[in-house]
Amino acid sequence: TPLSPQQLLDCSSGHDICANGAAFAPIYAYIGKQGMTSLANYPYLAQKGRCNRQKERQVIAKIGGLKWITTDGNEERLLKAVQRDGPVAVAIHASDAWSRYSRGVFSGPCGGGINHAVLVVGYGYDGQSDRDFWIVKNSWGEGYGDRGYVYMHRNSGNVCSIASHTVQVY
C-alpha cells in the first residue's frame, strides 16, 4: 500500500520537508513518532497545505528504525543492498530534466545538489537501449514518469548520485 507524501508535506511541523531534498533524519523522526497513512486516504496535491489531523491519525505504517548503508557512490553496493534487503531510500540530484521524465532510461542531466528523496525498488536491463537501470519509485504520484516510477541508468557513473546517500527503513 503506497504511503502518503502529502501527509509529510502538511503535517510534519517544525521541518520544511521539501527544503534541500528532504533530509532523511527529520522525515523518519516524524514517521517514527506519528506513523503514516495511505496515499488513498491522504492524496498527493504537490503543494503544502493544512494538516488534516483526522486523516493523519489513520495510521497504517510506522518505522522501527533506520539502517544506514555505506555505498559511497558504489552502485554494486547499492545493488547488493536491494537484492539482500529490498527497497532502499536514496537521496538524489533531481534536475528539471528528471522532473519531466516520461519514459525510457534516464541518464541525465542531473541537478547540482541533493534535492530529492526516492525509493530504489529494483533493477533491470533494457535491451532496446542496451542499458542497465534502477527502478525508482517517486513520491509525486502516478502522474509522474511511468505511473510514478523512473528508470535510471545503472552502472554509468552513479547517475544523479543515486548510490551516494542511502538508508534502509525497517
Foldseek 3Di string as FASTA:
>chain_A
DAWAPLLVLAPLPPDNCQPQARDPVSSQVCCQVQATAHCVLPPDDPHYDHHDVVRSNRHDGGFPDKDWQPQQLPLVSVQVCCVPPFKKKFFFQADPVNQQAADDADQDDGHDGGRHIWIFGAWAADPVVRFTWTWIAHNRALVTHNGRTHTYGGPPRCHRVRRRGIMDTD
